[in-house]
Amino acid sequence: MGFLEPTKICKPGVFLLTKAVISDKDMGNLVEPERIVPWMEKIAVYPGFFDPITNGHVDIILRGLRLFDKILVAVLKNPKKEALFSTKDRVAMIQEIFIRQPDIEVKAFDGLLVEFVRRHKAKIVIRGLRAVSDFEYELQMALMNRQLDPEIETLYMMPSVHYSFLNSGVVKEVFSLGGSVTGLVPEIVEKKLREKLKQGRLSVGK
Protein backbone atom coordinates (compact mmCIF):
# COMPACT_ATOMS: atom_id res chain seq x y z
CA MET A 1 0.00 0.00 0.00
CA GLY A 2 1.32 3.45 -0.87
CA PHE A 3 1.72 6.43 1.45
CA LEU A 4 -0.67 9.37 1.62
CA GLU A 5 0.97 12.67 0.70
CA PRO A 6 -1.50 15.43 1.59
CA THR A 7 -0.99 18.79 -0.09
CA LYS A 8 -2.14 20.54 3.09
CA ILE A 9 -1.42 19.66 6.71
CA CYS A 10 -4.12 20.89 9.03
CA LYS A 11 -4.06 21.33 12.76
CA PRO A 12 -3.81 18.89 14.54
CA GLY A 13 -2.42 17.02 11.50
CA VAL A 14 -4.68 13.99 11.62
CA PHE A 15 -7.20 12.52 9.20
CA LEU A 16 -10.63 11.00 9.62
CA LEU A 17 -11.40 7.65 8.04
CA THR A 18 -14.81 7.83 6.33
CA LYS A 19 -14.77 4.26 4.94
CA ALA A 20 -12.56 1.21 5.26
CA VAL A 21 -9.31 1.44 3.26
CA ILE A 22 -8.84 -1.66 1.13
CA SER A 23 -6.31 -0.49 -1.45
CA ASP A 24 -4.41 2.59 -2.63
CA LYS A 25 -7.49 3.68 -4.56
CA ASP A 26 -9.41 3.99 -1.31
CA MET A 27 -6.98 6.48 0.26
CA GLY A 28 -9.32 9.22 -0.90
CA ASN A 29 -11.61 8.19 1.94
CA LEU A 30 -9.25 9.93 4.34
CA VAL A 31 -10.65 13.41 4.93
CA GLU A 32 -9.02 16.26 6.80
CA PRO A 33 -11.04 17.26 9.91
CA GLU A 34 -11.12 20.92 8.83
CA ARG A 35 -13.28 19.93 5.88
CA ILE A 36 -15.86 18.48 8.26
CA VAL A 37 -15.77 20.81 11.27
CA PRO A 38 -13.73 23.99 11.94
CA TRP A 39 -10.67 23.64 14.18
CA MET A 40 -11.50 24.53 17.76
CA GLU A 41 -9.00 25.66 20.36
CA LYS A 42 -8.56 23.42 23.37
CA ILE A 43 -9.11 25.83 26.25
CA ALA A 44 -8.67 25.00 29.93
CA VAL A 45 -9.62 27.17 32.89
CA TYR A 46 -7.32 27.35 35.91
CA PRO A 47 -9.27 28.97 38.77
CA GLY A 48 -7.96 30.19 42.08
CA PHE A 49 -7.78 33.01 44.61
CA PHE A 50 -4.06 33.60 43.92
CA ASP A 51 -3.41 35.84 46.95
CA PRO A 52 -0.65 35.90 45.84
CA ILE A 53 0.24 33.66 42.92
CA THR A 54 3.21 31.38 43.69
CA ASN A 55 5.73 29.52 41.57
CA GLY A 56 3.66 26.41 42.24
CA HIS A 57 0.75 28.03 40.40
CA VAL A 58 3.06 29.18 37.61
CA ASP A 59 4.40 25.63 37.26
CA ILE A 60 0.88 24.21 36.81
CA ILE A 61 -0.06 26.89 34.26
CA LEU A 62 3.04 26.37 32.10
CA ARG A 63 2.72 22.59 32.20
CA GLY A 64 -0.93 22.94 31.30
CA LEU A 65 0.13 24.55 28.02
CA ARG A 66 1.63 21.21 27.00
CA LEU A 67 -1.89 19.81 26.97
CA PHE A 68 -4.00 22.78 25.85
CA ASP A 69 -3.82 25.54 23.27
CA LYS A 70 -4.84 28.19 25.78
CA ILE A 71 -4.99 28.50 29.56
CA LEU A 72 -7.48 30.94 31.04
CA VAL A 73 -6.44 31.89 34.57
CA ALA A 74 -9.63 32.70 36.48
CA VAL A 75 -9.01 34.94 39.49
CA LEU A 76 -11.79 34.58 42.05
CA LYS A 77 -13.50 37.62 43.53
CA ASN A 78 -14.60 36.47 46.98
CA PRO A 79 -15.91 39.21 49.30
CA LYS A 80 -16.22 36.64 52.11
CA LYS A 81 -12.49 35.90 52.03
CA GLU A 82 -10.08 38.53 53.31
CA ALA A 83 -7.35 39.20 50.76
CA LEU A 84 -3.98 40.89 51.04
CA PHE A 85 -4.13 41.98 47.39
CA SER A 86 -7.18 43.35 45.65
CA THR A 87 -8.66 41.41 42.74
CA LYS A 88 -7.33 44.09 40.38
CA ASP A 89 -3.81 43.74 41.80
CA ARG A 90 -3.90 39.94 41.61
CA VAL A 91 -5.00 40.04 37.98
CA ALA A 92 -2.35 42.66 37.13
CA MET A 93 0.47 40.63 38.73
CA ILE A 94 -0.46 37.47 36.83
CA GLN A 95 -0.76 39.40 33.56
CA GLU A 96 2.71 40.85 34.07
CA ILE A 97 4.18 37.42 34.81
CA PHE A 98 2.80 36.01 31.54
CA ILE A 99 3.08 39.16 29.45
CA ARG A 100 5.04 37.29 26.75
CA GLN A 101 2.64 34.32 26.70
CA PRO A 102 -0.27 35.13 24.34
CA ASP A 103 -1.76 31.69 25.03
CA ILE A 104 -2.31 32.58 28.70
CA GLU A 105 -5.20 34.91 29.48
CA VAL A 106 -6.16 36.28 32.90
CA LYS A 107 -9.68 37.27 33.95
CA ALA A 108 -11.45 37.95 37.23
CA PHE A 109 -14.71 36.17 37.99
CA ASP A 110 -17.34 35.71 40.65
CA GLY A 111 -20.33 33.43 40.92
CA LEU A 112 -20.36 29.83 39.70
CA LEU A 113 -17.21 28.49 38.10
CA VAL A 114 -19.18 26.37 35.61
CA GLU A 115 -20.90 29.48 34.26
CA PHE A 116 -17.52 31.15 33.73
CA VAL A 117 -16.21 28.03 31.99
CA ARG A 118 -19.24 27.81 29.69
CA ARG A 119 -19.08 31.53 28.91
CA HIS A 120 -15.53 31.13 27.63
CA LYS A 121 -16.33 27.96 25.65
CA ALA A 122 -14.02 25.74 27.70
CA LYS A 123 -14.63 22.16 28.81
CA ILE A 124 -11.76 21.51 31.22
CA VAL A 125 -11.00 22.87 34.68
CA ILE A 126 -7.41 22.42 35.89
CA ARG A 127 -6.75 21.99 39.58
CA GLY A 128 -3.52 21.31 41.44
CA LEU A 129 -3.30 18.59 44.08
CA ARG A 130 -0.47 19.09 46.56
CA ALA A 131 -1.27 16.35 49.05
CA VAL A 132 -3.89 13.87 50.19
CA SER A 133 -5.33 16.64 52.40
CA ASP A 134 -6.42 18.52 49.26
CA PHE A 135 -8.28 15.56 47.82
CA GLU A 136 -11.50 15.57 49.86
CA TYR A 137 -12.27 19.24 49.12
CA GLU A 138 -11.28 18.96 45.45
CA LEU A 139 -13.38 15.82 44.97
CA GLN A 140 -16.40 17.55 46.48
CA MET A 141 -15.98 20.57 44.19
CA ALA A 142 -15.44 18.43 41.09
CA LEU A 143 -18.55 16.36 41.76
CA MET A 144 -20.65 19.47 42.35
CA ASN A 145 -19.39 21.04 39.12
CA ARG A 146 -20.24 17.82 37.28
CA GLN A 147 -23.72 17.93 38.78
CA LEU A 148 -24.14 21.49 37.51
CA ASP A 149 -22.70 20.72 34.07
CA PRO A 150 -21.85 17.10 33.12
CA GLU A 151 -19.90 18.28 30.06
CA ILE A 152 -17.25 20.03 32.15
CA GLU A 153 -14.39 17.81 33.33
CA THR A 154 -11.79 18.43 36.04
CA LEU A 155 -8.13 17.64 35.38
CA TYR A 156 -5.88 17.28 38.42
CA MET A 157 -2.17 18.01 38.11
CA MET A 158 0.49 17.20 40.69
CA PRO A 159 2.91 20.06 41.44
CA SER A 160 6.61 19.74 40.83
CA VAL A 161 8.30 18.27 43.89
CA HIS A 162 9.96 21.65 44.65
CA TYR A 163 6.54 23.22 45.22
CA SER A 164 4.60 20.33 46.79
CA PHE A 165 4.55 22.11 50.19
CA LEU A 166 3.79 25.57 48.81
CA ASN A 167 0.66 27.67 49.08
CA SER A 168 -0.15 31.39 49.24
CA GLY A 169 -0.77 31.33 53.00
CA VAL A 170 2.66 29.84 53.71
CA VAL A 171 4.32 32.48 51.53
CA LYS A 172 2.61 35.37 53.37
CA GLU A 173 3.36 33.92 56.80
CA VAL A 174 7.05 33.26 56.06
CA PHE A 175 7.53 36.69 54.51
CA SER A 176 5.75 38.52 57.36
CA LEU A 177 8.11 36.82 59.84
CA GLY A 178 11.20 37.95 57.94
CA GLY A 179 11.87 34.78 55.95
CA SER A 180 12.97 34.70 52.33
CA VAL A 181 10.50 33.67 49.62
CA THR A 182 12.98 34.00 46.79
CA GLY A 183 12.41 31.14 44.35
CA LEU A 184 8.95 30.48 45.77
CA VAL A 185 7.16 33.36 44.05
CA PRO A 186 7.79 35.37 40.87
CA GLU A 187 9.90 38.53 41.29
CA ILE A 188 6.94 40.86 40.83
CA VAL A 189 5.12 39.13 43.69
CA GLU A 190 8.12 39.42 46.01
CA LYS A 191 8.33 43.13 45.16
CA LYS A 192 4.63 43.66 45.93
CA LEU A 193 4.95 41.73 49.21
CA ARG A 194 7.81 44.01 50.21
CA GLU A 195 5.63 47.05 49.51
CA LYS A 196 2.83 45.63 51.65
CA LEU A 197 5.28 44.97 54.47
CA LYS A 198 6.47 48.58 54.38
CA GLN A 199 2.86 49.74 54.50
CA GLY A 200 2.32 47.58 57.59
CA ARG A 201 -0.44 45.67 55.80
CA LEU A 202 1.20 42.25 55.82
CA SER A 203 0.46 40.19 58.92
CA VAL A 204 0.10 36.52 59.77
CA GLY A 205 -3.36 35.15 59.14
CA LYS A 206 -4.20 37.36 56.16
C-alpha atoms as a PDB file:
ATOM      1  CA  MET A   1       0.000   0.000   0.000  1.00  0.00           C
ATOM      2  CA  GLY A   2       1.319   3.451  -0.868  1.00  0.00           C
ATOM      3  CA  PHE A   3       1.719   6.433   1.453  1.00  0.00           C
ATOM      4  CA  LEU A   4      -0.672   9.371   1.620  1.00  0.00           C
ATOM      5  CA  GLU A   5       0.966  12.666   0.703  1.00  0.00           C
ATOM      6  CA  PRO A   6      -1.504  15.429   1.594  1.00  0.00           C
ATOM      7  CA  THR A   7      -0.990  18.794  -0.090  1.00  0.00           C
ATOM      8  CA  LYS A   8      -2.144  20.543   3.091  1.00  0.00           C
ATOM      9  CA  ILE A   9      -1.417  19.664   6.706  1.00  0.00           C
ATOM     10  CA  CYS A  10      -4.122  20.886   9.034  1.00  0.00           C
ATOM     11  CA  LYS A  11      -4.055  21.331  12.762  1.00  0.00           C
ATOM     12  CA  PRO A  12      -3.812  18.886  14.543  1.00  0.00           C
ATOM     13  CA  GLY A  13      -2.421  17.021  11.502  1.00  0.00           C
ATOM     14  CA  VAL A  14      -4.684  13.990  11.623  1.00  0.00           C
ATOM     15  CA  PHE A  15      -7.196  12.520   9.199  1.00  0.00           C
ATOM     16  CA  LEU A  16     -10.627  11.000   9.623  1.00  0.00           C
ATOM     17  CA  LEU A  17     -11.402   7.646   8.041  1.00  0.00           C
ATOM     18  CA  THR A  18     -14.807   7.832   6.332  1.00  0.00           C
ATOM     19  CA  LYS A  19     -14.770   4.264   4.938  1.00  0.00           C
ATOM     20  CA  ALA A  20     -12.557   1.208   5.259  1.00  0.00           C
ATOM     21  CA  VAL A  21      -9.308   1.437   3.262  1.00  0.00           C
ATOM     22  CA  ILE A  22      -8.843  -1.657   1.134  1.00  0.00           C
ATOM     23  CA  SER A  23      -6.306  -0.493  -1.449  1.00  0.00           C
ATOM     24  CA  ASP A  24      -4.411   2.588  -2.632  1.00  0.00           C
ATOM     25  CA  LYS A  25      -7.495   3.679  -4.561  1.00  0.00           C
ATOM     26  CA  ASP A  26      -9.412   3.994  -1.306  1.00  0.00           C
ATOM     27  CA  MET A  27      -6.979   6.478   0.257  1.00  0.00           C
ATOM     28  CA  GLY A  28      -9.323   9.219  -0.900  1.00  0.00           C
ATOM     29  CA  ASN A  29     -11.612   8.189   1.944  1.00  0.00           C
ATOM     30  CA  LEU A  30      -9.246   9.926   4.340  1.00  0.00           C
ATOM     31  CA  VAL A  31     -10.652  13.406   4.929  1.00  0.00           C
ATOM     32  CA  GLU A  32      -9.021  16.265   6.801  1.00  0.00           C
ATOM     33  CA  PRO A  33     -11.036  17.259   9.905  1.00  0.00           C
ATOM     34  CA  GLU A  34     -11.115  20.918   8.826  1.00  0.00           C
ATOM     35  CA  ARG A  35     -13.276  19.931   5.885  1.00  0.00           C
ATOM     36  CA  ILE A  36     -15.859  18.485   8.264  1.00  0.00           C
ATOM     37  CA  VAL A  37     -15.773  20.813  11.275  1.00  0.00           C
ATOM     38  CA  PRO A  38     -13.725  23.991  11.942  1.00  0.00           C
ATOM     39  CA  TRP A  39     -10.667  23.641  14.179  1.00  0.00           C
ATOM     40  CA  MET A  40     -11.502  24.534  17.764  1.00  0.00           C
ATOM     41  CA  GLU A  41      -8.997  25.664  20.361  1.00  0.00           C
ATOM     42  CA  LYS A  42      -8.558  23.420  23.365  1.00  0.00           C
ATOM     43  CA  ILE A  43      -9.114  25.826  26.250  1.00  0.00           C
ATOM     44  CA  ALA A  44      -8.667  24.997  29.926  1.00  0.00           C
ATOM     45  CA  VAL A  45      -9.620  27.167  32.890  1.00  0.00           C
ATOM     46  CA  TYR A  46      -7.316  27.347  35.914  1.00  0.00           C
ATOM     47  CA  PRO A  47      -9.273  28.966  38.770  1.00  0.00           C
ATOM     48  CA  GLY A  48      -7.963  30.191  42.085  1.00  0.00           C
ATOM     49  CA  PHE A  49      -7.776  33.011  44.614  1.00  0.00           C
ATOM     50  CA  PHE A  50      -4.058  33.604  43.922  1.00  0.00           C
ATOM     51  CA  ASP A  51      -3.406  35.836  46.953  1.00  0.00           C
ATOM     52  CA  PRO A  52      -0.652  35.900  45.843  1.00  0.00           C
ATOM     53  CA  ILE A  53       0.245  33.658  42.919  1.00  0.00           C
ATOM     54  CA  THR A  54       3.214  31.379  43.686  1.00  0.00           C
ATOM     55  CA  ASN A  55       5.733  29.517  41.566  1.00  0.00           C
ATOM     56  CA  GLY A  56       3.659  26.406  42.239  1.00  0.00           C
ATOM     57  CA  HIS A  57       0.750  28.029  40.402  1.00  0.00           C
ATOM     58  CA  VAL A  58       3.058  29.176  37.609  1.00  0.00           C
ATOM     59  CA  ASP A  59       4.395  25.634  37.255  1.00  0.00           C
ATOM     60  CA  ILE A  60       0.877  24.208  36.808  1.00  0.00           C
ATOM     61  CA  ILE A  61      -0.062  26.892  34.259  1.00  0.00           C
ATOM     62  CA  LEU A  62       3.036  26.374  32.104  1.00  0.00           C
ATOM     63  CA  ARG A  63       2.723  22.595  32.204  1.00  0.00           C
ATOM     64  CA  GLY A  64      -0.930  22.939  31.295  1.00  0.00           C
ATOM     65  CA  LEU A  65       0.128  24.546  28.020  1.00  0.00           C
ATOM     66  CA  ARG A  66       1.635  21.207  27.002  1.00  0.00           C
ATOM     67  CA  LEU A  67      -1.891  19.811  26.974  1.00  0.00           C
ATOM     68  CA  PHE A  68      -4.003  22.777  25.851  1.00  0.00           C
ATOM     69  CA  ASP A  69      -3.816  25.537  23.270  1.00  0.00           C
ATOM     70  CA  LYS A  70      -4.843  28.186  25.780  1.00  0.00           C
ATOM     71  CA  ILE A  71      -4.985  28.497  29.561  1.00  0.00           C
ATOM     72  CA  LEU A  72      -7.485  30.935  31.036  1.00  0.00           C
ATOM     73  CA  VAL A  73      -6.435  31.888  34.567  1.00  0.00           C
ATOM     74  CA  ALA A  74      -9.628  32.704  36.477  1.00  0.00           C
ATOM     75  CA  VAL A  75      -9.009  34.944  39.494  1.00  0.00           C
ATOM     76  CA  LEU A  76     -11.791  34.584  42.047  1.00  0.00           C
ATOM     77  CA  LYS A  77     -13.500  37.624  43.534  1.00  0.00           C
ATOM     78  CA  ASN A  78     -14.602  36.468  46.975  1.00  0.00           C
ATOM     79  CA  PRO A  79     -15.908  39.214  49.296  1.00  0.00           C
ATOM     80  CA  LYS A  80     -16.222  36.641  52.111  1.00  0.00           C
ATOM     81  CA  LYS A  81     -12.486  35.901  52.031  1.00  0.00           C
ATOM     82  CA  GLU A  82     -10.077  38.531  53.314  1.00  0.00           C
ATOM     83  CA  ALA A  83      -7.353  39.200  50.763  1.00  0.00           C
ATOM     84  CA  LEU A  84      -3.977  40.886  51.045  1.00  0.00           C
ATOM     85  CA  PHE A  85      -4.128  41.978  47.392  1.00  0.00           C
ATOM     86  CA  SER A  86      -7.183  43.349  45.650  1.00  0.00           C
ATOM     87  CA  THR A  87      -8.660  41.409  42.737  1.00  0.00           C
ATOM     88  CA  LYS A  88      -7.333  44.094  40.381  1.00  0.00           C
ATOM     89  CA  ASP A  89      -3.805  43.739  41.802  1.00  0.00           C
ATOM     90  CA  ARG A  90      -3.897  39.938  41.611  1.00  0.00           C
ATOM     91  CA  VAL A  91      -5.002  40.037  37.976  1.00  0.00           C
ATOM     92  CA  ALA A  92      -2.349  42.658  37.133  1.00  0.00           C
ATOM     93  CA  MET A  93       0.474  40.629  38.725  1.00  0.00           C
ATOM     94  CA  ILE A  94      -0.461  37.473  36.829  1.00  0.00           C
ATOM     95  CA  GLN A  95      -0.765  39.401  33.563  1.00  0.00           C
ATOM     96  CA  GLU A  96       2.711  40.851  34.073  1.00  0.00           C
ATOM     97  CA  ILE A  97       4.185  37.415  34.813  1.00  0.00           C
ATOM     98  CA  PHE A  98       2.800  36.010  31.543  1.00  0.00           C
ATOM     99  CA  ILE A  99       3.082  39.159  29.451  1.00  0.00           C
ATOM    100  CA  ARG A 100       5.039  37.286  26.752  1.00  0.00           C
ATOM    101  CA  GLN A 101       2.643  34.324  26.699  1.00  0.00           C
ATOM    102  CA  PRO A 102      -0.271  35.125  24.344  1.00  0.00           C
ATOM    103  CA  ASP A 103      -1.761  31.687  25.030  1.00  0.00           C
ATOM    104  CA  ILE A 104      -2.306  32.578  28.703  1.00  0.00           C
ATOM    105  CA  GLU A 105      -5.200  34.910  29.484  1.00  0.00           C
ATOM    106  CA  VAL A 106      -6.161  36.281  32.902  1.00  0.00           C
ATOM    107  CA  LYS A 107      -9.678  37.268  33.948  1.00  0.00           C
ATOM    108  CA  ALA A 108     -11.449  37.950  37.234  1.00  0.00           C
ATOM    109  CA  PHE A 109     -14.706  36.169  37.988  1.00  0.00           C
ATOM    110  CA  ASP A 110     -17.339  35.710  40.645  1.00  0.00           C
ATOM    111  CA  GLY A 111     -20.327  33.426  40.916  1.00  0.00           C
ATOM    112  CA  LEU A 112     -20.357  29.827  39.702  1.00  0.00           C
ATOM    113  CA  LEU A 113     -17.211  28.494  38.098  1.00  0.00           C
ATOM    114  CA  VAL A 114     -19.183  26.369  35.615  1.00  0.00           C
ATOM    115  CA  GLU A 115     -20.900  29.476  34.260  1.00  0.00           C
ATOM    116  CA  PHE A 116     -17.525  31.150  33.733  1.00  0.00           C
ATOM    117  CA  VAL A 117     -16.206  28.029  31.993  1.00  0.00           C
ATOM    118  CA  ARG A 118     -19.236  27.813  29.694  1.00  0.00           C
ATOM    119  CA  ARG A 119     -19.079  31.530  28.905  1.00  0.00           C
ATOM    120  CA  HIS A 120     -15.525  31.125  27.629  1.00  0.00           C
ATOM    121  CA  LYS A 121     -16.328  27.963  25.649  1.00  0.00           C
ATOM    122  CA  ALA A 122     -14.019  25.744  27.697  1.00  0.00           C
ATOM    123  CA  LYS A 123     -14.633  22.155  28.810  1.00  0.00           C
ATOM    124  CA  ILE A 124     -11.760  21.513  31.222  1.00  0.00           C
ATOM    125  CA  VAL A 125     -10.998  22.872  34.681  1.00  0.00           C
ATOM    126  CA  ILE A 126      -7.413  22.416  35.889  1.00  0.00           C
ATOM    127  CA  ARG A 127      -6.748  21.987  39.585  1.00  0.00           C
ATOM    128  CA  GLY A 128      -3.517  21.311  41.439  1.00  0.00           C
ATOM    129  CA  LEU A 129      -3.295  18.589  44.077  1.00  0.00           C
ATOM    130  CA  ARG A 130      -0.466  19.090  46.562  1.00  0.00           C
ATOM    131  CA  ALA A 131      -1.267  16.350  49.053  1.00  0.00           C
ATOM    132  CA  VAL A 132      -3.895  13.871  50.192  1.00  0.00           C
ATOM    133  CA  SER A 133      -5.327  16.639  52.405  1.00  0.00           C
ATOM    134  CA  ASP A 134      -6.418  18.517  49.256  1.00  0.00           C
ATOM    135  CA  PHE A 135      -8.280  15.557  47.823  1.00  0.00           C
ATOM    136  CA  GLU A 136     -11.500  15.572  49.855  1.00  0.00           C
ATOM    137  CA  TYR A 137     -12.270  19.240  49.122  1.00  0.00           C
ATOM    138  CA  GLU A 138     -11.276  18.962  45.453  1.00  0.00           C
ATOM    139  CA  LEU A 139     -13.381  15.822  44.967  1.00  0.00           C
ATOM    140  CA  GLN A 140     -16.398  17.552  46.478  1.00  0.00           C
ATOM    141  CA  MET A 141     -15.984  20.569  44.187  1.00  0.00           C
ATOM    142  CA  ALA A 142     -15.438  18.431  41.089  1.00  0.00           C
ATOM    143  CA  LEU A 143     -18.554  16.360  41.765  1.00  0.00           C
ATOM    144  CA  MET A 144     -20.650  19.474  42.353  1.00  0.00           C
ATOM    145  CA  ASN A 145     -19.386  21.045  39.120  1.00  0.00           C
ATOM    146  CA  ARG A 146     -20.239  17.817  37.283  1.00  0.00           C
ATOM    147  CA  GLN A 147     -23.719  17.935  38.776  1.00  0.00           C
ATOM    148  CA  LEU A 148     -24.140  21.493  37.511  1.00  0.00           C
ATOM    149  CA  ASP A 149     -22.697  20.721  34.074  1.00  0.00           C
ATOM    150  CA  PRO A 150     -21.854  17.099  33.121  1.00  0.00           C
ATOM    151  CA  GLU A 151     -19.900  18.279  30.061  1.00  0.00           C
ATOM    152  CA  ILE A 152     -17.246  20.030  32.146  1.00  0.00           C
ATOM    153  CA  GLU A 153     -14.388  17.808  33.330  1.00  0.00           C
ATOM    154  CA  THR A 154     -11.790  18.429  36.044  1.00  0.00           C
ATOM    155  CA  LEU A 155      -8.132  17.640  35.382  1.00  0.00           C
ATOM    156  CA  TYR A 156      -5.879  17.276  38.421  1.00  0.00           C
ATOM    157  CA  MET A 157      -2.173  18.010  38.115  1.00  0.00           C
ATOM    158  CA  MET A 158       0.493  17.198  40.687  1.00  0.00           C
ATOM    159  CA  PRO A 159       2.907  20.063  41.441  1.00  0.00           C
ATOM    160  CA  SER A 160       6.614  19.738  40.828  1.00  0.00           C
ATOM    161  CA  VAL A 161       8.302  18.266  43.885  1.00  0.00           C
ATOM    162  CA  HIS A 162       9.965  21.648  44.648  1.00  0.00           C
ATOM    163  CA  TYR A 163       6.539  23.216  45.223  1.00  0.00           C
ATOM    164  CA  SER A 164       4.605  20.331  46.793  1.00  0.00           C
ATOM    165  CA  PHE A 165       4.546  22.114  50.188  1.00  0.00           C
ATOM    166  CA  LEU A 166       3.787  25.572  48.814  1.00  0.00           C
ATOM    167  CA  ASN A 167       0.657  27.674  49.081  1.00  0.00           C
ATOM    168  CA  SER A 168      -0.148  31.388  49.242  1.00  0.00           C
ATOM    169  CA  GLY A 169      -0.770  31.335  53.003  1.00  0.00           C
ATOM    170  CA  VAL A 170       2.655  29.839  53.714  1.00  0.00           C
ATOM    171  CA  VAL A 171       4.317  32.484  51.527  1.00  0.00           C
ATOM    172  CA  LYS A 172       2.609  35.369  53.371  1.00  0.00           C
ATOM    173  CA  GLU A 173       3.357  33.920  56.802  1.00  0.00           C
ATOM    174  CA  VAL A 174       7.049  33.261  56.062  1.00  0.00           C
ATOM    175  CA  PHE A 175       7.531  36.694  54.511  1.00  0.00           C
ATOM    176  CA  SER A 176       5.753  38.515  57.358  1.00  0.00           C
ATOM    177  CA  LEU A 177       8.112  36.818  59.838  1.00  0.00           C
ATOM    178  CA  GLY A 178      11.196  37.952  57.940  1.00  0.00           C
ATOM    179  CA  GLY A 179      11.865  34.784  55.946  1.00  0.00           C
ATOM    180  CA  SER A 180      12.965  34.697  52.326  1.00  0.00           C
ATOM    181  CA  VAL A 181      10.503  33.666  49.622  1.00  0.00           C
ATOM    182  CA  THR A 182      12.984  34.002  46.785  1.00  0.00           C
ATOM    183  CA  GLY A 183      12.413  31.142  44.354  1.00  0.00           C
ATOM    184  CA  LEU A 184       8.948  30.483  45.766  1.00  0.00           C
ATOM    185  CA  VAL A 185       7.159  33.361  44.052  1.00  0.00           C
ATOM    186  CA  PRO A 186       7.791  35.371  40.865  1.00  0.00           C
ATOM    187  CA  GLU A 187       9.904  38.526  41.291  1.00  0.00           C
ATOM    188  CA  ILE A 188       6.943  40.864  40.829  1.00  0.00           C
ATOM    189  CA  VAL A 189       5.123  39.125  43.694  1.00  0.00           C
ATOM    190  CA  GLU A 190       8.119  39.422  46.010  1.00  0.00           C
ATOM    191  CA  LYS A 191       8.335  43.132  45.156  1.00  0.00           C
ATOM    192  CA  LYS A 192       4.631  43.664  45.928  1.00  0.00           C
ATOM    193  CA  LEU A 193       4.952  41.734  49.212  1.00  0.00           C
ATOM    194  CA  ARG A 194       7.815  44.014  50.210  1.00  0.00           C
ATOM    195  CA  GLU A 195       5.627  47.046  49.510  1.00  0.00           C
ATOM    196  CA  LYS A 196       2.825  45.628  51.651  1.00  0.00           C
ATOM    197  CA  LEU A 197       5.284  44.972  54.473  1.00  0.00           C
ATOM    198  CA  LYS A 198       6.474  48.579  54.379  1.00  0.00           C
ATOM    199  CA  GLN A 199       2.859  49.743  54.505  1.00  0.00           C
ATOM    200  CA  GLY A 200       2.318  47.584  57.595  1.00  0.00           C
ATOM    201  CA  ARG A 201      -0.435  45.665  55.802  1.00  0.00           C
ATOM    202  CA  LEU A 202       1.200  42.248  55.821  1.00  0.00           C
ATOM    203  CA  SER A 203       0.462  40.189  58.922  1.00  0.00           C
ATOM    204  CA  VAL A 204       0.100  36.523  59.767  1.00  0.00           C
ATOM    205  CA  GLY A 205      -3.363  35.150  59.135  1.00  0.00           C
ATOM    206  CA  LYS A 206      -4.198  37.357  56.161  1.00  0.00           C
END
